Amino acid sequence: AQGSTNLYITNGSNFWVSFNPLDETPTWNQFSVPIDPNSFISAMAVNPALRTEIWITVTGYFEGTKVFRSQNSGLTWNNLSLSLPNVPAYSIVFANNTNSPSGAVYVGTEIGVFYTDDGIPDWVPFSNGLPHVPVTDLSANYFLGKLKAATYGRGIWASDFYQTCPSLVL
């Protein structure tokens, strides 16, 4: 249902989507997310430029099950935890609202913020002026190019968005 209004809801380890949330009687479809039943979904982000792309974060200490991505409204999921440390992931936000670069997200974890996009093979620590503490919520100001991070015990922090280093041309 690309281009339409989709509504996504999570509760624990459950995930529902409605492809017709504006109808008088919307229908809800439950989809499974490949996480341990003792874990739960801690946050979800929907791509502002492509509503069928959803990312979720997972809490708990289950190795390799921290971040999942669906590009088809939750029908199938890809585990994109890669080398994220085995700590709970609490929050996620898209790094831009234009989908350029695609797959660009920040994840708040027990030990700070990490960044990835489709052009990077793995997660990179994002400590651009941010402390290495639990990040319980993230928000992005696309107009100002700022990431805001709410931390446990250290207040709210702001940082410029991730930028790659320019290549040296000789």
Protein backbone atom coordinates (compact mmCIF):
# COMPACT_ATOMS: atom_id res chain seq x y z
CA ALA A 1 0.00 0.00 0.00
CA GLN A 2 2.77 2.40 -0.97
CA GLY A 3 1.64 6.00 -1.02
CA SER A 4 -1.39 5.28 1.15
CA THR A 5 -1.83 5.90 4.84
CA ASN A 6 -0.76 2.88 6.87
CA LEU A 7 -1.02 2.64 10.63
CA TYR A 8 1.37 0.48 12.63
CA ILE A 9 1.04 -0.61 16.25
CA THR A 10 3.32 -2.66 18.48
CA ASN A 11 2.70 -4.16 21.89
CA GLY A 12 5.36 -6.31 23.48
CA SER A 13 6.45 -8.68 20.74
CA ASN A 14 3.32 -8.19 18.62
CA PHE A 15 3.05 -6.09 15.47
CA TRP A 16 -0.14 -4.99 13.70
CA VAL A 17 -0.73 -2.97 10.55
CA SER A 18 -3.87 -1.44 9.09
CA PHE A 19 -3.80 -0.59 5.41
CA ASN A 20 -7.15 1.23 5.71
CA PRO A 21 -7.01 3.12 9.04
CA LEU A 22 -9.23 5.94 7.77
CA ASP A 23 -12.12 3.63 6.89
CA GLU A 24 -15.18 3.48 9.12
CA THR A 25 -14.19 -0.03 10.21
CA PRO A 26 -10.46 -0.47 9.64
CA THR A 27 -9.03 -3.96 9.45
CA TRP A 28 -5.93 -4.99 11.38
CA ASN A 29 -3.40 -7.61 10.33
CA GLN A 30 -1.00 -9.15 12.82
CA PHE A 31 2.46 -10.01 11.57
CA SER A 32 5.22 -11.86 13.33
CA VAL A 33 8.56 -10.29 14.06
CA PRO A 34 11.45 -12.79 14.37
CA ILE A 35 12.43 -11.95 17.95
CA ASP A 36 12.79 -14.06 21.07
CA PRO A 37 9.42 -14.35 22.87
CA ASN A 38 11.11 -13.06 26.06
CA SER A 39 12.10 -9.84 24.28
CA PHE A 40 9.85 -6.98 23.32
CA ILE A 41 9.73 -4.24 20.72
CA SER A 42 10.98 -1.05 22.35
CA ALA A 43 10.55 1.43 19.49
CA MET A 44 9.43 1.73 15.89
CA ALA A 45 10.19 4.21 13.12
CA VAL A 46 8.37 4.57 9.80
CA ASN A 47 10.28 6.12 6.92
CA PRO A 48 8.75 9.58 6.30
CA ALA A 49 9.50 9.29 2.57
CA LEU A 50 8.45 5.64 2.12
CA ARG A 51 5.67 4.48 4.46
CA THR A 52 6.20 0.79 3.69
CA GLU A 53 9.66 0.86 5.32
CA ILE A 54 9.59 0.18 9.06
CA TRP A 55 12.40 -0.30 11.54
CA ILE A 56 12.02 -1.67 15.07
CA THR A 57 14.36 -1.94 18.03
CA VAL A 58 14.34 -4.76 20.56
CA THR A 59 15.29 -4.73 24.22
CA GLY A 60 16.93 -7.54 26.11
CA TYR A 61 20.27 -9.30 26.05
CA PHE A 62 19.70 -11.72 23.19
CA GLU A 63 22.79 -11.60 20.98
CA GLY A 64 22.16 -10.40 17.43
CA THR A 65 18.51 -9.39 17.87
CA LYS A 66 18.56 -5.62 18.32
CA VAL A 67 17.27 -4.01 15.09
CA PHE A 68 14.95 -5.27 12.35
CA ARG A 69 13.86 -3.66 9.07
CA SER A 70 10.84 -4.34 6.88
CA GLN A 71 10.51 -2.80 3.46
CA ASN A 72 7.04 -4.21 2.80
CA SER A 73 4.89 -2.94 5.70
CA GLY A 74 5.88 -5.77 8.05
CA LEU A 75 5.24 -8.77 5.82
CA THR A 76 8.90 -9.83 6.05
CA TRP A 77 11.76 -8.64 8.25
CA ASN A 78 15.53 -8.44 7.89
CA ASN A 79 17.74 -8.59 10.96
CA LEU A 80 20.10 -5.61 10.72
CA SER A 81 21.63 -5.94 14.17
CA LEU A 82 25.02 -6.75 12.60
CA SER A 83 27.76 -5.74 15.07
CA LEU A 84 25.61 -3.78 17.53
CA PRO A 85 26.73 -4.62 21.06
CA ASN A 86 24.63 -7.05 23.08
CA VAL A 87 22.81 -4.36 25.05
CA PRO A 88 19.17 -3.26 24.93
CA ALA A 89 18.15 -0.96 22.07
CA TYR A 90 15.61 1.61 23.26
CA SER A 91 14.89 4.06 20.45
CA ILE A 92 15.16 4.65 16.71
CA VAL A 93 14.64 7.58 14.35
CA PHE A 94 15.17 8.19 10.65
CA ALA A 95 18.10 10.47 9.89
CA ASN A 96 16.28 12.29 7.09
CA ASN A 97 12.85 12.73 5.58
CA THR A 98 13.92 12.38 1.96
CA ASN A 99 15.23 8.77 1.99
CA SER A 100 18.62 10.02 0.79
CA PRO A 101 20.74 8.25 1.77
CA SER A 102 18.30 5.39 2.03
CA GLY A 103 18.10 3.36 5.22
CA ALA A 104 19.66 6.14 7.30
CA VAL A 105 18.71 5.65 10.96
CA TYR A 106 20.00 6.35 14.45
CA VAL A 107 19.50 3.83 17.26
CA GLY A 108 19.66 4.69 20.95
CA THR A 109 21.07 1.87 23.10
CA GLU A 110 22.14 1.21 26.66
CA ILE A 111 25.61 2.59 25.81
CA GLY A 112 24.86 5.45 23.42
CA VAL A 113 23.82 6.14 19.83
CA PHE A 114 24.71 4.23 16.65
CA TYR A 115 24.16 5.17 12.99
CA THR A 116 23.83 3.29 9.72
CA ASP A 117 22.56 3.75 6.17
CA ASP A 118 22.40 1.57 3.07
CA GLY A 119 25.85 2.79 1.97
CA ILE A 120 27.57 1.66 5.18
CA PRO A 121 28.18 -2.08 5.71
CA ASP A 122 27.63 -1.94 9.49
CA TRP A 123 26.71 0.32 12.41
CA VAL A 124 29.05 3.10 13.45
CA PRO A 125 29.14 4.61 16.95
CA PHE A 126 27.69 8.11 16.87
CA SER A 127 29.23 9.99 19.77
CA ASN A 128 29.26 13.43 18.18
CA GLY A 129 29.09 15.30 21.49
CA LEU A 130 26.75 12.71 23.02
CA PRO A 131 27.50 10.79 26.23
CA HIS A 132 27.89 7.00 26.33
CA VAL A 133 24.82 6.42 28.51
CA PRO A 134 21.37 4.87 27.99
CA VAL A 135 19.53 6.80 25.26
CA THR A 136 15.85 6.26 25.88
CA ASP A 137 14.43 8.47 23.13
CA LEU A 138 15.60 10.05 19.89
CA SER A 139 14.10 12.77 17.71
CA ALA A 140 15.30 14.38 14.51
CA ASN A 141 14.86 17.99 13.47
CA TYR A 142 15.20 17.64 9.70
CA PHE A 143 15.01 21.40 9.12
CA LEU A 144 17.96 22.19 11.43
CA GLY A 145 19.85 18.94 10.82
CA LYS A 146 19.92 18.10 14.52
CA LEU A 147 19.52 14.87 16.44
CA LYS A 148 18.15 15.12 19.98
CA ALA A 149 18.81 12.34 22.46
CA ALA A 150 17.02 11.89 25.78
CA THR A 151 19.29 10.04 28.18
CA TYR A 152 18.81 8.24 31.44
CA GLY A 153 20.43 10.43 34.08
CA ARG A 154 22.26 12.89 31.81
CA GLY A 155 19.44 15.06 30.41
CA ILE A 156 18.68 15.86 26.79
CA TRP A 157 21.48 16.35 24.27
CA ALA A 158 21.59 17.71 20.72
CA SER A 159 24.07 16.98 17.96
CA ASP A 160 24.52 17.71 14.27
CA PHE A 161 23.48 14.88 11.96
CA TYR A 162 25.96 12.25 10.83
CA GLN A 163 28.23 13.25 7.96
CA THR A 164 30.68 11.04 6.15
CA CYS A 165 34.25 12.16 5.75
CA PRO A 166 35.00 13.40 2.24
CA SER A 167 37.30 11.19 0.20
CA LEU A 168 40.80 12.48 -0.36
CA VAL A 169 41.47 12.88 -4.07
CA LEU A 170 45.12 12.90 -5.04
